[in-house]
């Protein structure tokens, strides 16, 4: 009898150990499935977050330094704009480069020496100038909405030109970005900037291109102001 009792106890212990093992395995299996589901949910959440940011892009414009031909200083904005219009009537692309006093400039270069030929050409047309250095601080924007990537590409390209000069590569990159990203309905705010790029590409020499370079920068600033509501 005692032998049978011992066997019965051993069988109960074995069955108990097997049941505990099965329970432990079952709990472990459920835990792994929950972790997998949680990871999947996190992955889906990350994908949704990425998807939500596809319609926006960050625009980083590093600091840029360039030179221009200063053509006049005025105590009133109206006088500065009047002289600017007179110069533009003569196909000279002047821009207001400072306020109070209001200062006008023409052209773009990367040193005072680089502007010598342009200044000589302006002097022959009766427009006296002095070289003036411009320093633009770094800026960061978030661009959202229709054609946000195109906006980033064009404005970044302008900043690269300010840093490194007007090059065939920079002009070609703008055209490539426009052709691939503009689509059938590009933002109207970008059309004038693209048209100005086209005018620069049509010029036959670097001096003529640099004469439009300052206007290229100011049109880019107008785009930034339009998008930011200024």
Protein backbone atom coordinates (compact mmCIF):
# COMPACT_ATOMS: atom_id res chain seq x y z
CA UNK A 1 0.00 0.00 0.00
CA UNK A 2 2.81 2.30 0.93
CA UNK A 3 4.44 1.59 -2.43
CA UNK A 4 1.28 2.47 -4.32
CA UNK A 5 0.91 5.67 -2.28
CA UNK A 6 4.44 6.70 -3.16
CA UNK A 7 3.85 6.01 -6.85
CA UNK A 8 0.65 8.03 -6.71
CA UNK A 9 2.50 10.95 -5.10
CA UNK A 10 5.26 10.77 -7.71
CA UNK A 11 2.68 10.75 -10.54
CA UNK A 12 0.89 13.76 -9.01
CA UNK A 13 4.19 15.63 -8.69
CA UNK A 14 5.10 14.82 -12.32
CA UNK A 15 1.70 15.93 -13.55
CA UNK A 16 1.95 19.09 -11.47
CA UNK A 17 5.39 19.92 -12.91
CA UNK A 18 4.10 19.33 -16.46
CA UNK A 19 1.09 21.55 -15.82
CA UNK A 20 3.35 24.29 -14.41
CA UNK A 21 5.64 24.02 -17.44
CA UNK A 22 2.72 24.26 -19.84
CA UNK A 23 1.36 27.27 -17.94
CA UNK A 24 4.75 28.99 -17.96
CA UNK A 25 5.17 28.32 -21.71
CA UNK A 26 1.65 29.63 -22.38
CA UNK A 27 2.25 32.83 -20.42
CA UNK A 28 5.56 33.32 -22.20
CA UNK A 29 3.93 32.85 -25.62
CA UNK A 30 1.23 35.40 -24.86
CA UNK A 31 3.85 37.90 -23.63
CA UNK A 32 5.90 37.61 -26.80
CA UNK A 33 2.82 38.18 -28.95
CA UNK A 34 1.92 41.29 -26.94
CA UNK A 35 5.44 42.65 -27.33
CA UNK A 36 5.29 42.00 -31.06
CA UNK A 37 1.92 43.71 -31.29
CA UNK A 38 3.20 46.66 -29.27
CA UNK A 39 6.25 46.95 -31.53
CA UNK A 40 4.00 46.76 -34.58
CA UNK A 41 1.77 49.48 -33.14
CA UNK A 42 4.84 51.63 -32.45
CA UNK A 43 6.07 51.05 -36.00
CA UNK A 44 2.66 52.03 -37.38
CA UNK A 45 2.68 55.12 -35.17
CA UNK A 46 6.13 56.06 -36.44
CA UNK A 47 5.00 55.56 -40.05
CA UNK A 48 1.97 57.78 -39.44
CA UNK A 49 4.20 60.44 -37.89
CA UNK A 50 6.54 60.32 -40.88
CA UNK A 51 3.56 60.42 -43.24
CA UNK A 52 2.19 63.49 -41.47
CA UNK A 53 5.47 65.35 -42.03
CA UNK A 54 5.76 64.54 -45.74
CA UNK A 55 3.78 67.69 -46.55
CA UNK A 56 6.30 69.87 -44.72
CA UNK A 57 10.05 70.33 -44.86
CA UNK A 58 12.70 72.16 -42.89
CA UNK A 59 14.56 74.90 -44.72
CA UNK A 60 18.01 75.73 -43.33
CA UNK A 61 19.80 78.73 -44.85
CA UNK A 62 23.40 79.08 -43.60
CA UNK A 63 25.05 82.47 -43.16
CA UNK A 64 26.08 84.07 -46.44
CA UNK A 65 28.35 87.00 -47.29
CA UNK A 66 28.46 88.83 -50.63
CA UNK A 67 29.17 92.25 -52.15
CA UNK A 68 27.03 94.62 -54.18
CA UNK A 69 27.38 97.99 -55.93
CA UNK A 70 25.82 100.68 -53.75
CA UNK A 71 24.24 103.29 -56.03
CA UNK A 72 22.57 105.69 -53.61
CA UNK A 73 21.47 106.54 -50.07
CA UNK A 74 18.16 108.29 -49.38
CA UNK A 75 16.51 109.70 -46.26
CA UNK A 76 13.03 108.69 -47.43
CA UNK A 77 11.73 105.43 -48.82
CA UNK A 78 9.71 107.18 -51.52
CA UNK A 79 12.82 108.84 -52.99
CA UNK A 80 14.68 105.53 -52.92
CA UNK A 81 11.83 103.76 -54.73
CA UNK A 82 11.59 106.57 -57.27
CA UNK A 83 15.28 106.29 -58.13
CA UNK A 84 14.98 102.50 -58.23
CA UNK A 85 12.19 102.80 -60.81
CA UNK A 86 14.31 105.17 -62.91
CA UNK A 87 17.19 102.69 -62.88
CA UNK A 88 14.90 99.80 -63.76
CA UNK A 89 13.53 101.83 -66.68
CA UNK A 90 17.11 101.76 -67.95
CA UNK A 91 17.25 97.96 -67.51
CA UNK A 92 19.34 98.26 -64.33
CA UNK A 93 18.05 95.90 -61.67
CA UNK A 94 18.41 97.95 -58.48
CA UNK A 95 17.14 96.75 -55.10
CA UNK A 96 16.69 98.40 -51.70
CA UNK A 97 19.41 96.86 -49.53
CA UNK A 98 18.89 98.91 -46.37
CA UNK A 99 16.40 101.15 -44.60
CA UNK A 100 16.66 104.36 -42.56
CA UNK A 101 18.55 105.52 -44.52
CA UNK A 102 17.28 103.65 -47.59
CA UNK A 103 20.14 102.28 -49.67
CA UNK A 104 20.05 101.00 -53.24
CA UNK A 105 22.32 98.36 -54.72
CA UNK A 106 22.91 96.69 -58.08
CA UNK A 107 24.54 93.37 -58.83
CA UNK A 108 26.19 90.60 -56.88
CA UNK A 109 29.82 89.64 -56.29
CA UNK A 110 31.98 87.85 -53.74
CA UNK A 111 34.61 90.55 -53.30
CA UNK A 112 35.00 94.26 -53.96
CA UNK A 113 37.54 93.40 -56.65
CA UNK A 114 35.04 91.14 -58.43
CA UNK A 115 32.73 94.14 -58.87
CA UNK A 116 35.28 96.35 -60.68
CA UNK A 117 34.03 95.65 -64.19
CA UNK A 118 30.41 96.07 -63.18
CA UNK A 119 31.15 99.36 -61.44
CA UNK A 120 33.05 100.57 -64.52
CA UNK A 121 30.12 99.61 -66.74
CA UNK A 122 27.71 101.49 -64.47
CA UNK A 123 30.00 104.54 -64.40
CA UNK A 124 29.95 104.64 -68.20
CA UNK A 125 26.16 104.85 -67.92
CA UNK A 126 26.40 107.76 -65.50
CA UNK A 127 25.75 105.73 -62.35
CA UNK A 128 28.42 106.18 -59.66
CA UNK A 129 28.83 103.35 -57.13
CA UNK A 130 30.83 102.13 -54.18
CA UNK A 131 31.31 98.47 -53.16
CA UNK A 132 29.27 97.37 -50.15
CA UNK A 133 29.49 94.12 -48.23
CA UNK A 134 26.31 92.30 -47.16
CA UNK A 135 26.24 89.73 -44.35
CA UNK A 136 23.11 87.58 -44.01
CA UNK A 137 22.56 85.66 -40.77
CA UNK A 138 21.67 81.97 -40.77
CA UNK A 139 17.93 81.26 -40.85
CA UNK A 140 15.75 78.18 -40.32
CA UNK A 141 12.13 77.78 -41.44
CA UNK A 142 9.52 75.06 -41.61
CA UNK A 143 7.89 75.04 -45.05
CA UNK A 144 4.50 73.36 -45.37
CA UNK A 145 1.84 72.96 -48.01
CA UNK A 146 1.82 72.50 -51.76
CA UNK A 147 5.27 72.03 -53.33
CA UNK A 148 7.09 72.49 -50.02
CA UNK A 149 10.09 70.54 -51.32
CA UNK A 150 10.27 72.74 -54.43
CA UNK A 151 10.24 75.83 -52.21
CA UNK A 152 13.10 74.44 -50.16
CA UNK A 153 15.09 73.53 -53.29
CA UNK A 154 14.75 76.99 -54.88
CA UNK A 155 15.48 79.00 -51.74
CA UNK A 156 18.42 76.77 -50.82
CA UNK A 157 19.77 77.24 -54.34
CA UNK A 158 19.65 81.03 -53.95
CA UNK A 159 21.53 80.78 -50.67
CA UNK A 160 24.18 78.60 -52.34
CA UNK A 161 24.60 81.24 -55.05
CA UNK A 162 25.11 83.91 -52.37
CA UNK A 163 27.76 81.73 -50.74
CA UNK A 164 29.59 80.43 -53.82
CA UNK A 165 28.56 82.62 -56.74
CA UNK A 166 26.46 82.18 -59.85
CA UNK A 167 27.54 78.95 -61.52
CA UNK A 168 26.19 76.90 -64.40
CA UNK A 169 25.63 74.04 -61.93
CA UNK A 170 23.46 76.17 -59.62
CA UNK A 171 21.36 77.43 -62.53
CA UNK A 172 20.97 73.90 -63.91
CA UNK A 173 19.97 72.57 -60.48
CA UNK A 174 17.15 75.12 -60.23
CA UNK A 175 15.78 74.14 -63.64
CA UNK A 176 15.97 70.44 -62.77
CA UNK A 177 14.16 71.02 -59.47
CA UNK A 178 11.44 73.04 -61.19
CA UNK A 179 10.94 70.52 -64.00
CA UNK A 180 10.70 67.56 -61.60
CA UNK A 181 8.76 69.10 -58.70
CA UNK A 182 6.64 72.00 -59.99
CA UNK A 183 3.94 69.90 -61.63
CA UNK A 184 0.97 71.45 -63.40
CA UNK A 185 0.04 73.88 -60.62
CA UNK A 186 3.15 75.31 -58.90
CA UNK A 187 2.59 77.95 -56.21
CA UNK A 188 2.17 81.40 -57.75
CA UNK A 189 4.58 82.74 -55.11
CA UNK A 190 7.40 80.81 -56.80
CA UNK A 191 6.69 81.76 -60.42
CA UNK A 192 8.48 85.14 -60.33
CA UNK A 193 11.57 83.55 -58.76
CA UNK A 194 11.65 80.84 -61.42
CA UNK A 195 11.18 83.45 -64.17
CA UNK A 196 14.12 85.44 -62.79
CA UNK A 197 16.25 82.29 -62.82
CA UNK A 198 15.27 81.85 -66.48
CA UNK A 199 16.37 85.42 -67.25
CA UNK A 200 19.73 84.78 -65.60
CA UNK A 201 20.21 81.60 -67.65
CA UNK A 202 19.56 83.57 -70.84
CA UNK A 203 22.44 85.98 -70.18
CA UNK A 204 25.52 85.29 -72.25
CA UNK A 205 28.25 86.18 -69.74
CA UNK A 206 28.90 86.15 -66.00
CA UNK A 207 28.83 89.95 -65.61
CA UNK A 208 25.32 90.12 -67.05
CA UNK A 209 24.26 87.27 -64.78
CA UNK A 210 25.76 88.95 -61.72
CA UNK A 211 23.89 92.13 -62.61
CA UNK A 212 20.69 90.14 -61.92
CA UNK A 213 22.10 88.28 -58.94
CA UNK A 214 20.94 90.79 -56.32
CA UNK A 215 17.39 90.71 -57.69
CA UNK A 216 17.49 86.91 -57.46
CA UNK A 217 18.24 87.20 -53.75
CA UNK A 218 15.54 89.80 -53.11
CA UNK A 219 12.91 87.80 -54.96
CA UNK A 220 13.81 84.85 -52.73
CA UNK A 221 13.28 87.11 -49.71
CA UNK A 222 9.90 88.15 -51.08
CA UNK A 223 8.95 84.47 -51.35
CA UNK A 224 9.94 83.93 -47.71
CA UNK A 225 7.92 86.97 -46.64
CA UNK A 226 4.87 85.84 -48.61
CA UNK A 227 4.90 82.35 -47.10
CA UNK A 228 5.47 83.71 -43.59
CA UNK A 229 2.69 86.28 -43.93
CA UNK A 230 4.94 89.35 -43.70
